[in-house]
N, C-alpha and C. Protein backbone atom coordinates (compact mmCIF):
# COMPACT_ATOMS: atom_id res chain seq x y z
N MET A 1 -24.08 -6.04 16.15
CA MET A 1 -23.49 -7.14 16.91
C MET A 1 -23.70 -8.45 16.16
N ALA A 2 -22.72 -9.32 16.23
CA ALA A 2 -22.82 -10.63 15.60
C ALA A 2 -23.86 -11.48 16.33
N SER A 3 -24.65 -12.23 15.56
CA SER A 3 -25.68 -13.06 16.16
C SER A 3 -25.09 -14.37 16.69
N ARG A 4 -25.88 -15.04 17.53
CA ARG A 4 -25.46 -16.33 18.03
C ARG A 4 -25.31 -17.32 16.88
N ALA A 5 -26.23 -17.26 15.90
CA ALA A 5 -26.18 -18.20 14.78
C ALA A 5 -24.91 -18.03 13.97
N LEU A 6 -24.52 -16.78 13.73
CA LEU A 6 -23.29 -16.55 12.97
C LEU A 6 -22.09 -17.10 13.71
N LEU A 7 -21.99 -16.81 14.99
CA LEU A 7 -20.84 -17.27 15.76
C LEU A 7 -20.83 -18.79 15.88
N ALA A 8 -22.01 -19.40 15.92
CA ALA A 8 -22.08 -20.86 16.02
C ALA A 8 -21.60 -21.53 14.74
N ASP A 9 -21.72 -20.84 13.61
CA ASP A 9 -21.28 -21.40 12.33
C ASP A 9 -19.76 -21.43 12.19
N ILE A 10 -19.07 -20.61 12.96
CA ILE A 10 -17.62 -20.48 12.81
C ILE A 10 -16.92 -21.73 13.33
N ASP A 11 -15.98 -22.23 12.56
CA ASP A 11 -15.23 -23.41 13.00
C ASP A 11 -14.49 -23.08 14.30
N PRO A 12 -14.58 -23.97 15.31
CA PRO A 12 -13.95 -23.66 16.60
C PRO A 12 -12.44 -23.50 16.53
N GLY A 13 -11.82 -23.99 15.46
CA GLY A 13 -10.38 -23.84 15.32
C GLY A 13 -9.92 -22.39 15.25
N TRP A 14 -10.84 -21.49 14.90
CA TRP A 14 -10.47 -20.07 14.82
C TRP A 14 -10.53 -19.38 16.18
N LEU A 15 -11.16 -20.03 17.15
CA LEU A 15 -11.25 -19.46 18.49
C LEU A 15 -10.10 -20.01 19.32
N ALA A 16 -8.94 -19.48 19.06
CA ALA A 16 -7.73 -20.00 19.70
C ALA A 16 -6.81 -18.86 20.09
N ASP A 17 -6.06 -19.10 21.15
CA ASP A 17 -4.99 -18.19 21.58
C ASP A 17 -3.69 -18.94 21.37
N GLY A 18 -3.03 -18.65 20.25
CA GLY A 18 -1.87 -19.44 19.87
C GLY A 18 -2.31 -20.85 19.52
N ASP A 19 -1.75 -21.84 20.21
CA ASP A 19 -2.11 -23.23 19.96
C ASP A 19 -3.21 -23.72 20.90
N THR A 20 -3.72 -22.85 21.75
CA THR A 20 -4.72 -23.25 22.75
C THR A 20 -6.11 -22.86 22.29
N LEU A 21 -6.98 -23.86 22.06
CA LEU A 21 -8.34 -23.59 21.64
C LEU A 21 -9.18 -23.13 22.82
N LEU A 22 -10.12 -22.25 22.53
CA LEU A 22 -11.08 -21.84 23.55
C LEU A 22 -11.94 -23.04 23.92
N ASP A 23 -12.12 -23.26 25.21
CA ASP A 23 -12.94 -24.37 25.67
C ASP A 23 -14.33 -24.32 25.03
N ALA A 24 -14.80 -25.46 24.52
CA ALA A 24 -16.06 -25.51 23.78
C ALA A 24 -17.24 -25.06 24.65
N GLU A 25 -17.26 -25.48 25.90
CA GLU A 25 -18.36 -25.08 26.79
C GLU A 25 -18.32 -23.59 27.07
N LEU A 26 -17.12 -23.06 27.24
CA LEU A 26 -16.98 -21.62 27.48
C LEU A 26 -17.42 -20.83 26.24
N ALA A 27 -17.06 -21.32 25.05
CA ALA A 27 -17.47 -20.65 23.81
C ALA A 27 -18.99 -20.66 23.67
N ALA A 28 -19.62 -21.79 24.01
CA ALA A 28 -21.08 -21.88 23.91
C ALA A 28 -21.75 -20.89 24.87
N ARG A 29 -21.22 -20.78 26.08
CA ARG A 29 -21.79 -19.83 27.04
C ARG A 29 -21.60 -18.39 26.55
N ALA A 30 -20.45 -18.13 25.93
CA ALA A 30 -20.21 -16.78 25.41
C ALA A 30 -21.20 -16.44 24.31
N ARG A 31 -21.51 -17.41 23.45
CA ARG A 31 -22.47 -17.15 22.36
C ARG A 31 -23.87 -16.86 22.89
N ASP A 32 -24.17 -17.34 24.10
CA ASP A 32 -25.52 -17.19 24.65
C ASP A 32 -25.74 -15.87 25.37
N SER A 33 -24.72 -15.04 25.47
CA SER A 33 -24.88 -13.74 26.14
C SER A 33 -24.42 -12.62 25.24
N ALA A 34 -25.05 -11.46 25.39
CA ALA A 34 -24.68 -10.31 24.56
C ALA A 34 -23.23 -9.91 24.80
N LEU A 35 -22.82 -9.90 26.06
CA LEU A 35 -21.44 -9.54 26.37
C LEU A 35 -20.48 -10.56 25.76
N GLY A 36 -20.80 -11.83 25.89
CA GLY A 36 -19.94 -12.87 25.33
C GLY A 36 -19.82 -12.75 23.82
N ARG A 37 -20.93 -12.44 23.15
CA ARG A 37 -20.88 -12.29 21.69
C ARG A 37 -20.02 -11.11 21.30
N ARG A 38 -20.12 -10.02 22.06
CA ARG A 38 -19.26 -8.86 21.76
C ARG A 38 -17.79 -9.22 21.95
N MET A 39 -17.50 -9.99 22.98
CA MET A 39 -16.11 -10.38 23.24
C MET A 39 -15.58 -11.30 22.14
N LEU A 40 -16.39 -12.25 21.70
CA LEU A 40 -15.96 -13.15 20.62
C LEU A 40 -15.75 -12.36 19.33
N ALA A 41 -16.67 -11.45 19.04
CA ALA A 41 -16.53 -10.64 17.82
C ALA A 41 -15.27 -9.79 17.88
N ALA A 42 -14.99 -9.20 19.04
CA ALA A 42 -13.78 -8.38 19.18
C ALA A 42 -12.53 -9.24 19.03
N TRP A 43 -12.56 -10.45 19.56
CA TRP A 43 -11.44 -11.38 19.43
C TRP A 43 -11.18 -11.69 17.96
N LEU A 44 -12.25 -12.00 17.23
CA LEU A 44 -12.10 -12.32 15.81
C LEU A 44 -11.69 -11.09 15.00
N ALA A 45 -12.20 -9.92 15.38
CA ALA A 45 -11.84 -8.69 14.67
C ALA A 45 -10.36 -8.37 14.82
N ASP A 46 -9.79 -8.74 15.96
CA ASP A 46 -8.36 -8.51 16.19
C ASP A 46 -7.49 -9.59 15.59
N GLY A 47 -8.12 -10.65 15.07
CA GLY A 47 -7.36 -11.77 14.52
C GLY A 47 -7.70 -12.07 13.08
N PRO A 48 -8.39 -13.19 12.84
CA PRO A 48 -8.55 -13.67 11.47
C PRO A 48 -9.69 -13.03 10.69
N ALA A 49 -10.51 -12.17 11.32
CA ALA A 49 -11.70 -11.68 10.62
C ALA A 49 -11.90 -10.19 10.84
N ALA A 50 -10.87 -9.43 10.58
CA ALA A 50 -10.95 -7.98 10.80
C ALA A 50 -11.99 -7.33 9.91
N ALA A 51 -12.12 -7.80 8.67
CA ALA A 51 -13.07 -7.17 7.75
C ALA A 51 -14.52 -7.50 8.12
N LEU A 52 -14.77 -8.75 8.51
CA LEU A 52 -16.14 -9.16 8.83
C LEU A 52 -16.65 -8.53 10.11
N PHE A 53 -15.79 -8.42 11.12
CA PHE A 53 -16.22 -7.96 12.43
C PHE A 53 -15.77 -6.54 12.77
N ALA A 54 -15.13 -5.86 11.84
CA ALA A 54 -14.72 -4.48 12.10
C ALA A 54 -15.94 -3.62 12.37
N PRO A 55 -15.88 -2.73 13.37
CA PRO A 55 -17.03 -1.85 13.65
C PRO A 55 -17.41 -1.04 12.42
N ASP A 56 -18.67 -1.15 12.01
CA ASP A 56 -19.15 -0.44 10.82
C ASP A 56 -20.65 -0.25 10.99
N PRO A 57 -21.09 0.97 11.32
CA PRO A 57 -22.53 1.19 11.54
C PRO A 57 -23.37 0.93 10.30
N GLY A 58 -22.75 0.93 9.13
CA GLY A 58 -23.51 0.70 7.91
C GLY A 58 -23.58 -0.75 7.48
N ARG A 59 -22.95 -1.65 8.23
CA ARG A 59 -22.95 -3.06 7.82
C ARG A 59 -22.89 -3.94 9.06
N GLN A 60 -23.71 -4.96 9.06
CA GLN A 60 -23.71 -5.93 10.14
C GLN A 60 -23.11 -7.24 9.64
N PRO A 61 -22.31 -7.93 10.46
CA PRO A 61 -21.72 -9.20 10.01
C PRO A 61 -22.75 -10.20 9.52
N ASP A 62 -23.94 -10.19 10.14
CA ASP A 62 -24.95 -11.18 9.76
C ASP A 62 -25.47 -10.98 8.34
N LEU A 63 -25.30 -9.79 7.78
CA LEU A 63 -25.74 -9.59 6.40
C LEU A 63 -24.96 -10.47 5.44
N VAL A 64 -23.68 -10.67 5.72
CA VAL A 64 -22.87 -11.56 4.89
C VAL A 64 -23.38 -12.99 5.02
N ARG A 65 -23.66 -13.41 6.23
CA ARG A 65 -24.18 -14.77 6.46
C ARG A 65 -25.54 -14.96 5.80
N MET A 66 -26.38 -13.94 5.87
CA MET A 66 -27.72 -14.05 5.27
C MET A 66 -27.63 -14.17 3.75
N ARG A 67 -26.70 -13.44 3.16
CA ARG A 67 -26.57 -13.50 1.70
C ARG A 67 -25.84 -14.76 1.26
N TRP A 68 -24.90 -15.20 2.08
CA TRP A 68 -24.11 -16.38 1.74
C TRP A 68 -24.16 -17.40 2.87
N PRO A 69 -25.34 -18.02 3.10
CA PRO A 69 -25.38 -19.12 4.06
C PRO A 69 -24.50 -20.26 3.58
N ARG A 70 -24.16 -21.15 4.49
CA ARG A 70 -23.18 -22.19 4.17
C ARG A 70 -23.53 -22.97 2.89
N GLN A 71 -24.76 -23.38 2.75
CA GLN A 71 -25.13 -24.21 1.59
C GLN A 71 -24.90 -23.46 0.28
N ARG A 72 -25.30 -22.19 0.24
CA ARG A 72 -25.13 -21.40 -0.98
C ARG A 72 -23.66 -21.12 -1.25
N LEU A 73 -22.92 -20.83 -0.19
CA LEU A 73 -21.49 -20.57 -0.36
C LEU A 73 -20.77 -21.84 -0.80
N ASP A 74 -21.14 -22.98 -0.25
CA ASP A 74 -20.51 -24.24 -0.65
C ASP A 74 -20.72 -24.52 -2.14
N ALA A 75 -21.92 -24.20 -2.64
CA ALA A 75 -22.19 -24.41 -4.07
C ALA A 75 -21.30 -23.50 -4.92
N LEU A 76 -21.12 -22.26 -4.48
CA LEU A 76 -20.23 -21.34 -5.19
C LEU A 76 -18.80 -21.86 -5.19
N LEU A 77 -18.33 -22.31 -4.03
CA LEU A 77 -16.96 -22.81 -3.93
C LEU A 77 -16.75 -24.03 -4.83
N ARG A 78 -17.73 -24.93 -4.83
CA ARG A 78 -17.61 -26.13 -5.67
C ARG A 78 -17.45 -25.75 -7.14
N ASP A 79 -18.29 -24.81 -7.60
CA ASP A 79 -18.22 -24.42 -9.01
C ASP A 79 -16.89 -23.75 -9.35
N ILE A 80 -16.40 -22.90 -8.46
CA ILE A 80 -15.11 -22.26 -8.72
C ILE A 80 -14.00 -23.30 -8.76
N GLY A 81 -14.03 -24.25 -7.84
CA GLY A 81 -13.02 -25.31 -7.83
C GLY A 81 -13.08 -26.18 -9.06
N VAL A 82 -14.28 -26.48 -9.51
CA VAL A 82 -14.43 -27.26 -10.75
C VAL A 82 -13.85 -26.48 -11.92
N LEU A 83 -14.16 -25.19 -11.98
CA LEU A 83 -13.64 -24.38 -13.08
C LEU A 83 -12.11 -24.34 -13.06
N ALA A 84 -11.53 -24.27 -11.86
CA ALA A 84 -10.07 -24.26 -11.76
C ALA A 84 -9.45 -25.53 -12.32
N HIS A 85 -10.18 -26.64 -12.26
CA HIS A 85 -9.68 -27.91 -12.78
C HIS A 85 -10.22 -28.22 -14.17
N ALA A 86 -10.86 -27.23 -14.80
CA ALA A 86 -11.45 -27.45 -16.11
C ALA A 86 -10.45 -27.96 -17.15
N PRO A 87 -9.22 -27.43 -17.20
CA PRO A 87 -8.29 -27.95 -18.21
C PRO A 87 -8.06 -29.46 -18.09
N ALA A 88 -7.96 -29.95 -16.86
CA ALA A 88 -7.75 -31.39 -16.66
C ALA A 88 -9.03 -32.18 -16.91
N ILE A 89 -10.16 -31.63 -16.51
CA ILE A 89 -11.44 -32.31 -16.73
C ILE A 89 -11.72 -32.44 -18.22
N ARG A 90 -11.44 -31.39 -18.99
CA ARG A 90 -11.67 -31.43 -20.43
C ARG A 90 -10.76 -32.44 -21.12
N ALA A 91 -9.57 -32.63 -20.54
CA ALA A 91 -8.61 -33.56 -21.16
C ALA A 91 -8.89 -35.01 -20.80
N GLU A 92 -9.76 -35.25 -19.80
CA GLU A 92 -10.05 -36.61 -19.35
C GLU A 92 -11.12 -37.23 -20.25
N THR A 93 -10.75 -38.28 -20.98
CA THR A 93 -11.68 -38.89 -21.93
C THR A 93 -12.00 -40.34 -21.61
N GLY A 94 -11.37 -40.92 -20.60
CA GLY A 94 -11.65 -42.31 -20.25
C GLY A 94 -13.10 -42.49 -19.81
N ARG A 95 -13.69 -43.60 -20.20
CA ARG A 95 -15.11 -43.81 -19.93
C ARG A 95 -15.41 -43.78 -18.42
N GLU A 96 -14.64 -44.53 -17.64
CA GLU A 96 -14.91 -44.61 -16.20
C GLU A 96 -14.61 -43.29 -15.49
N PRO A 97 -13.48 -42.62 -15.77
CA PRO A 97 -13.26 -41.30 -15.14
C PRO A 97 -14.35 -40.29 -15.49
N VAL A 98 -14.77 -40.27 -16.75
CA VAL A 98 -15.82 -39.33 -17.14
C VAL A 98 -17.13 -39.66 -16.42
N ARG A 99 -17.43 -40.95 -16.29
CA ARG A 99 -18.64 -41.35 -15.58
C ARG A 99 -18.60 -40.87 -14.13
N ARG A 100 -17.44 -41.05 -13.49
CA ARG A 100 -17.32 -40.63 -12.10
C ARG A 100 -17.42 -39.11 -11.96
N LEU A 101 -16.80 -38.40 -12.88
CA LEU A 101 -16.87 -36.94 -12.83
C LEU A 101 -18.31 -36.45 -13.01
N LYS A 102 -19.01 -37.02 -13.96
CA LYS A 102 -20.41 -36.61 -14.18
C LYS A 102 -21.26 -36.91 -12.96
N ALA A 103 -21.04 -38.09 -12.36
CA ALA A 103 -21.83 -38.46 -11.19
C ALA A 103 -21.52 -37.56 -9.99
N ALA A 104 -20.25 -37.18 -9.85
CA ALA A 104 -19.84 -36.36 -8.71
C ALA A 104 -20.26 -34.90 -8.86
N LEU A 105 -20.30 -34.41 -10.10
CA LEU A 105 -20.46 -32.97 -10.31
C LEU A 105 -21.85 -32.57 -10.78
N GLY A 106 -22.61 -33.49 -11.35
CA GLY A 106 -23.92 -33.10 -11.86
C GLY A 106 -23.78 -32.03 -12.94
N ASN A 107 -24.58 -30.97 -12.82
CA ASN A 107 -24.54 -29.91 -13.83
C ASN A 107 -23.22 -29.15 -13.84
N SER A 108 -22.47 -29.22 -12.75
CA SER A 108 -21.18 -28.52 -12.71
C SER A 108 -20.18 -29.13 -13.69
N TYR A 109 -20.42 -30.36 -14.11
CA TYR A 109 -19.55 -30.96 -15.13
C TYR A 109 -19.65 -30.16 -16.43
N LEU A 110 -20.85 -29.72 -16.76
CA LEU A 110 -21.02 -28.92 -17.98
C LEU A 110 -20.31 -27.57 -17.85
N LEU A 111 -20.27 -27.03 -16.64
CA LEU A 111 -19.54 -25.79 -16.40
C LEU A 111 -18.07 -25.95 -16.77
N ALA A 112 -17.49 -27.08 -16.38
CA ALA A 112 -16.08 -27.32 -16.68
C ALA A 112 -15.82 -27.37 -18.18
N LEU A 113 -16.82 -27.79 -18.94
CA LEU A 113 -16.65 -27.90 -20.40
C LEU A 113 -16.96 -26.60 -21.14
N ASP A 114 -17.55 -25.64 -20.47
CA ASP A 114 -18.04 -24.42 -21.12
C ASP A 114 -16.90 -23.42 -21.32
N ARG A 115 -16.42 -23.32 -22.53
CA ARG A 115 -15.31 -22.42 -22.83
C ARG A 115 -15.74 -20.95 -22.89
N THR A 116 -17.04 -20.68 -22.87
CA THR A 116 -17.48 -19.29 -22.83
C THR A 116 -17.30 -18.70 -21.43
N VAL A 117 -17.24 -19.56 -20.41
CA VAL A 117 -16.98 -19.09 -19.05
C VAL A 117 -15.49 -18.85 -18.87
N TRP A 118 -14.69 -19.80 -19.36
CA TRP A 118 -13.23 -19.66 -19.32
C TRP A 118 -12.63 -20.57 -20.37
N ASP A 119 -11.68 -20.04 -21.14
CA ASP A 119 -11.10 -20.85 -22.21
C ASP A 119 -10.20 -21.96 -21.67
N GLY A 120 -9.73 -21.82 -20.45
CA GLY A 120 -8.94 -22.89 -19.84
C GLY A 120 -7.51 -22.98 -20.31
N HIS A 121 -7.01 -21.95 -20.95
CA HIS A 121 -5.62 -21.97 -21.41
C HIS A 121 -4.67 -21.80 -20.22
N VAL A 122 -3.81 -22.76 -20.01
CA VAL A 122 -2.84 -22.70 -18.92
C VAL A 122 -1.48 -23.16 -19.44
N GLU A 123 -0.44 -22.79 -18.72
CA GLU A 123 0.89 -23.23 -19.10
C GLU A 123 1.03 -24.74 -18.88
N ARG A 124 2.03 -25.32 -19.51
CA ARG A 124 2.19 -26.77 -19.47
C ARG A 124 2.37 -27.31 -18.06
N ALA A 125 3.13 -26.61 -17.24
CA ALA A 125 3.35 -27.08 -15.87
C ALA A 125 2.05 -27.08 -15.07
N ARG A 126 1.23 -26.07 -15.27
CA ARG A 126 -0.05 -26.01 -14.57
C ARG A 126 -0.96 -27.14 -15.04
N GLN A 127 -0.98 -27.38 -16.34
CA GLN A 127 -1.80 -28.48 -16.87
C GLN A 127 -1.38 -29.81 -16.26
N ALA A 128 -0.08 -30.03 -16.15
CA ALA A 128 0.41 -31.28 -15.59
C ALA A 128 0.03 -31.41 -14.12
N ALA A 129 0.14 -30.31 -13.38
CA ALA A 129 -0.21 -30.35 -11.96
C ALA A 129 -1.70 -30.62 -11.76
N LEU A 130 -2.53 -30.00 -12.58
CA LEU A 130 -3.97 -30.23 -12.49
C LEU A 130 -4.32 -31.67 -12.85
N ALA A 131 -3.68 -32.18 -13.89
CA ALA A 131 -3.94 -33.56 -14.31
C ALA A 131 -3.54 -34.54 -13.21
N SER A 132 -2.41 -34.28 -12.56
CA SER A 132 -1.95 -35.16 -11.49
C SER A 132 -2.92 -35.13 -10.30
N ALA A 133 -3.34 -33.94 -9.91
CA ALA A 133 -4.26 -33.82 -8.78
C ALA A 133 -5.59 -34.50 -9.09
N LEU A 134 -6.07 -34.33 -10.31
CA LEU A 134 -7.34 -34.96 -10.69
C LEU A 134 -7.20 -36.47 -10.73
N ALA A 135 -6.09 -36.96 -11.24
CA ALA A 135 -5.87 -38.41 -11.31
C ALA A 135 -5.85 -39.02 -9.91
N HIS A 136 -5.19 -38.36 -8.97
CA HIS A 136 -5.15 -38.86 -7.59
C HIS A 136 -6.55 -38.87 -6.98
N ALA A 137 -7.32 -37.81 -7.21
CA ALA A 137 -8.67 -37.75 -6.66
C ALA A 137 -9.57 -38.80 -7.28
N LEU A 138 -9.42 -39.03 -8.59
CA LEU A 138 -10.21 -40.06 -9.25
C LEU A 138 -9.86 -41.44 -8.72
N ALA A 139 -8.58 -41.69 -8.51
CA ALA A 139 -8.16 -42.98 -7.97
C ALA A 139 -8.73 -43.18 -6.57
N ALA A 140 -8.68 -42.12 -5.76
CA ALA A 140 -9.23 -42.22 -4.40
C ALA A 140 -10.74 -42.40 -4.43
N ALA A 141 -11.41 -41.75 -5.37
CA ALA A 141 -12.85 -41.91 -5.50
C ALA A 141 -13.22 -43.32 -5.92
N THR A 142 -12.38 -43.92 -6.77
CA THR A 142 -12.61 -45.30 -7.19
C THR A 142 -12.44 -46.25 -6.00
N THR A 143 -11.39 -46.03 -5.23
CA THR A 143 -11.15 -46.87 -4.05
C THR A 143 -12.28 -46.73 -3.03
N ALA A 144 -12.72 -45.51 -2.81
CA ALA A 144 -13.79 -45.26 -1.84
C ALA A 144 -15.17 -45.55 -2.40
N ASP A 145 -15.25 -45.69 -3.71
CA ASP A 145 -16.53 -45.86 -4.41
C ASP A 145 -17.51 -44.76 -4.01
N GLY A 146 -16.99 -43.54 -4.04
CA GLY A 146 -17.81 -42.38 -3.70
C GLY A 146 -17.14 -41.11 -4.17
N PRO A 147 -17.88 -40.00 -4.21
CA PRO A 147 -17.36 -38.76 -4.79
C PRO A 147 -16.56 -37.90 -3.83
N GLN A 148 -16.44 -38.30 -2.55
CA GLN A 148 -15.85 -37.40 -1.56
C GLN A 148 -14.45 -36.90 -1.92
N PRO A 149 -13.54 -37.76 -2.42
CA PRO A 149 -12.21 -37.24 -2.76
C PRO A 149 -12.25 -36.16 -3.85
N LEU A 150 -13.15 -36.33 -4.81
CA LEU A 150 -13.28 -35.31 -5.86
C LEU A 150 -13.86 -34.02 -5.27
N HIS A 151 -14.88 -34.16 -4.46
CA HIS A 151 -15.46 -32.97 -3.84
C HIS A 151 -14.43 -32.23 -3.00
N ALA A 152 -13.63 -32.97 -2.25
CA ALA A 152 -12.61 -32.34 -1.40
C ALA A 152 -11.61 -31.56 -2.24
N LEU A 153 -11.20 -32.13 -3.37
CA LEU A 153 -10.25 -31.45 -4.25
C LEU A 153 -10.83 -30.14 -4.77
N PHE A 154 -12.03 -30.20 -5.31
CA PHE A 154 -12.64 -29.01 -5.90
C PHE A 154 -13.00 -27.97 -4.84
N ASP A 155 -13.51 -28.43 -3.71
CA ASP A 155 -13.93 -27.48 -2.67
C ASP A 155 -12.74 -26.72 -2.09
N ALA A 156 -11.64 -27.42 -1.85
CA ALA A 156 -10.46 -26.75 -1.29
C ALA A 156 -9.91 -25.70 -2.25
N GLN A 157 -9.85 -26.05 -3.54
CA GLN A 157 -9.35 -25.09 -4.52
C GLN A 157 -10.32 -23.93 -4.67
N GLY A 158 -11.62 -24.23 -4.64
CA GLY A 158 -12.62 -23.18 -4.74
C GLY A 158 -12.53 -22.18 -3.59
N ARG A 159 -12.29 -22.69 -2.37
CA ARG A 159 -12.13 -21.78 -1.23
C ARG A 159 -10.92 -20.88 -1.42
N ALA A 160 -9.82 -21.47 -1.83
CA ALA A 160 -8.60 -20.68 -2.02
C ALA A 160 -8.82 -19.59 -3.07
N GLU A 161 -9.48 -19.95 -4.16
CA GLU A 161 -9.71 -18.98 -5.24
C GLU A 161 -10.66 -17.87 -4.79
N LEU A 162 -11.75 -18.24 -4.10
CA LEU A 162 -12.70 -17.21 -3.69
C LEU A 162 -12.09 -16.28 -2.65
N VAL A 163 -11.36 -16.83 -1.70
CA VAL A 163 -10.74 -15.99 -0.68
C VAL A 163 -9.77 -15.00 -1.33
N ALA A 164 -8.95 -15.48 -2.26
CA ALA A 164 -7.99 -14.59 -2.93
C ALA A 164 -8.72 -13.50 -3.71
N TRP A 165 -9.79 -13.88 -4.41
CA TRP A 165 -10.55 -12.91 -5.20
C TRP A 165 -11.28 -11.92 -4.29
N ALA A 166 -11.93 -12.44 -3.24
CA ALA A 166 -12.73 -11.58 -2.37
C ALA A 166 -11.87 -10.66 -1.51
N ARG A 167 -10.62 -11.00 -1.26
CA ARG A 167 -9.75 -10.09 -0.51
C ARG A 167 -9.67 -8.73 -1.20
N ARG A 168 -9.79 -8.73 -2.52
CA ARG A 168 -9.73 -7.49 -3.28
C ARG A 168 -11.11 -6.85 -3.44
N ARG A 169 -12.14 -7.68 -3.53
CA ARG A 169 -13.47 -7.20 -3.89
C ARG A 169 -14.43 -7.09 -2.70
N ASP A 170 -14.37 -8.05 -1.80
CA ASP A 170 -15.31 -8.12 -0.68
C ASP A 170 -14.62 -8.81 0.49
N PRO A 171 -13.76 -8.09 1.22
CA PRO A 171 -12.97 -8.72 2.28
C PRO A 171 -13.80 -9.41 3.35
N ALA A 172 -14.99 -8.90 3.64
CA ALA A 172 -15.83 -9.56 4.65
C ALA A 172 -16.25 -10.95 4.18
N LEU A 173 -16.53 -11.10 2.90
CA LEU A 173 -16.86 -12.42 2.36
C LEU A 173 -15.66 -13.35 2.45
N ALA A 174 -14.48 -12.83 2.20
CA ALA A 174 -13.27 -13.65 2.32
C ALA A 174 -13.12 -14.18 3.75
N ASP A 175 -13.35 -13.30 4.73
CA ASP A 175 -13.29 -13.73 6.13
C ASP A 175 -14.32 -14.81 6.41
N TRP A 176 -15.55 -14.58 5.97
CA TRP A 176 -16.64 -15.53 6.23
C TRP A 176 -16.33 -16.89 5.62
N CYS A 177 -15.82 -16.89 4.42
CA CYS A 177 -15.47 -18.14 3.75
C CYS A 177 -14.42 -18.91 4.54
N GLN A 178 -13.43 -18.22 5.05
CA GLN A 178 -12.39 -18.89 5.82
C GLN A 178 -12.91 -19.40 7.16
N LEU A 179 -13.74 -18.62 7.83
CA LEU A 179 -14.17 -18.97 9.17
C LEU A 179 -15.05 -20.21 9.21
N LEU A 180 -15.67 -20.56 8.10
CA LEU A 180 -16.55 -21.73 8.08
C LEU A 180 -15.78 -23.04 8.07
N HIS A 181 -14.48 -22.97 7.85
CA HIS A 181 -13.67 -24.19 7.71
C HIS A 181 -12.47 -24.10 8.65
N PRO A 182 -11.92 -25.24 9.04
CA PRO A 182 -10.78 -25.23 9.97
C PRO A 182 -9.59 -24.47 9.39
N PRO A 183 -8.86 -23.75 10.23
CA PRO A 183 -7.64 -23.09 9.74
C PRO A 183 -6.61 -24.13 9.33
N GLY A 184 -5.78 -23.76 8.38
CA GLY A 184 -4.75 -24.68 7.93
C GLY A 184 -4.25 -24.29 6.55
N PRO A 185 -3.30 -25.04 6.02
CA PRO A 185 -2.75 -24.74 4.70
C PRO A 185 -3.83 -24.79 3.62
N ALA A 186 -3.69 -23.94 2.63
CA ALA A 186 -4.64 -23.89 1.53
C ALA A 186 -3.89 -24.01 0.21
N PRO A 187 -4.56 -24.51 -0.83
CA PRO A 187 -3.92 -24.55 -2.15
C PRO A 187 -3.60 -23.14 -2.64
N VAL A 188 -2.71 -23.06 -3.58
CA VAL A 188 -2.37 -21.78 -4.19
C VAL A 188 -3.49 -21.36 -5.14
N ALA A 189 -3.95 -20.12 -5.00
CA ALA A 189 -4.97 -19.58 -5.91
C ALA A 189 -4.27 -19.02 -7.14
N TRP A 190 -4.79 -19.36 -8.31
CA TRP A 190 -4.12 -18.92 -9.53
C TRP A 190 -5.08 -18.56 -10.66
N LEU A 191 -6.37 -18.80 -10.49
CA LEU A 191 -7.32 -18.50 -11.56
C LEU A 191 -7.30 -17.01 -11.92
N PRO A 192 -7.49 -16.66 -13.18
CA PRO A 192 -7.67 -15.25 -13.55
C PRO A 192 -8.92 -14.69 -12.86
N GLU A 193 -8.96 -13.39 -12.70
CA GLU A 193 -10.07 -12.77 -11.98
C GLU A 193 -11.39 -12.90 -12.72
N LYS A 194 -11.38 -12.79 -14.04
CA LYS A 194 -12.63 -12.72 -14.79
C LYS A 194 -13.49 -13.97 -14.65
N PRO A 195 -12.96 -15.19 -14.81
CA PRO A 195 -13.83 -16.35 -14.64
C PRO A 195 -14.37 -16.50 -13.22
N VAL A 196 -13.59 -16.12 -12.21
CA VAL A 196 -14.10 -16.16 -10.84
C VAL A 196 -15.26 -15.18 -10.69
N LEU A 197 -15.12 -14.00 -11.26
CA LEU A 197 -16.18 -13.00 -11.21
C LEU A 197 -17.44 -13.51 -11.89
N ARG A 198 -17.29 -14.20 -13.01
CA ARG A 198 -18.47 -14.72 -13.72
C ARG A 198 -19.23 -15.73 -12.87
N ILE A 199 -18.51 -16.64 -12.23
CA ILE A 199 -19.17 -17.63 -11.39
C ILE A 199 -19.80 -16.96 -10.18
N TYR A 200 -19.06 -16.04 -9.56
CA TYR A 200 -19.60 -15.31 -8.41
C TYR A 200 -20.88 -14.57 -8.79
N THR A 201 -20.86 -13.86 -9.89
CA THR A 201 -22.02 -13.07 -10.32
C THR A 201 -23.22 -13.97 -10.57
N HIS A 202 -22.99 -15.12 -11.18
CA HIS A 202 -24.08 -16.06 -11.45
C HIS A 202 -24.74 -16.50 -10.14
N HIS A 203 -23.93 -16.89 -9.17
CA HIS A 203 -24.49 -17.35 -7.89
C HIS A 203 -25.09 -16.19 -7.10
N ASP A 204 -24.46 -15.02 -7.17
CA ASP A 204 -24.97 -13.87 -6.43
C ASP A 204 -26.32 -13.42 -6.99
N THR A 205 -26.48 -13.48 -8.30
CA THR A 205 -27.75 -13.12 -8.92
C THR A 205 -28.86 -14.07 -8.49
N ARG A 206 -28.53 -15.34 -8.41
CA ARG A 206 -29.52 -16.32 -7.95
C ARG A 206 -29.89 -16.11 -6.50
N ALA A 207 -28.96 -15.55 -5.71
CA ALA A 207 -29.22 -15.34 -4.29
C ALA A 207 -30.04 -14.07 -4.03
N ALA A 208 -30.05 -13.16 -5.00
CA ALA A 208 -30.71 -11.87 -4.79
C ALA A 208 -32.23 -12.02 -4.69
């Protein structure tokens, strides 16, 4: 059975019947009872999280949460998103943009430069799209005088990439990744499988 903590982590936007969200007080009461938790899990299993909540005596949904708590998963998503924008980050040589990228990314900036993780070869149209997205995020970060626009860009792309990759490798993780954030449009995932696997393996090894 799904725990109260796991269900509490799920964005309330996923607890909806069509366009009608489940009342927050009713959802809280459901999480506090065994019957309510079973009902919420069954609801999610029939909708957006069939892999995570599907009946399986050999696996409990909370095992995914224990291995990938929000903070650890967020770090994985950030790194994947940074890697997806590596071609544009490597091409950015302006002093102020580089300073902002280093300040926003910390050690993840070095990941973007590491060609042993991914060579970063992309078609011209993809390079242009990445450069445009990065330029907009840098401009917004300058206006806000903070890293949030850059983080939002990388995190959204990282989620899209991990969900697409995990749908093939670990569908329960894909469900968990989606449920932590509000439902809505996502960027197109396009990274090759191998660099995503390398980043995933690095973070998974640290979590073991």
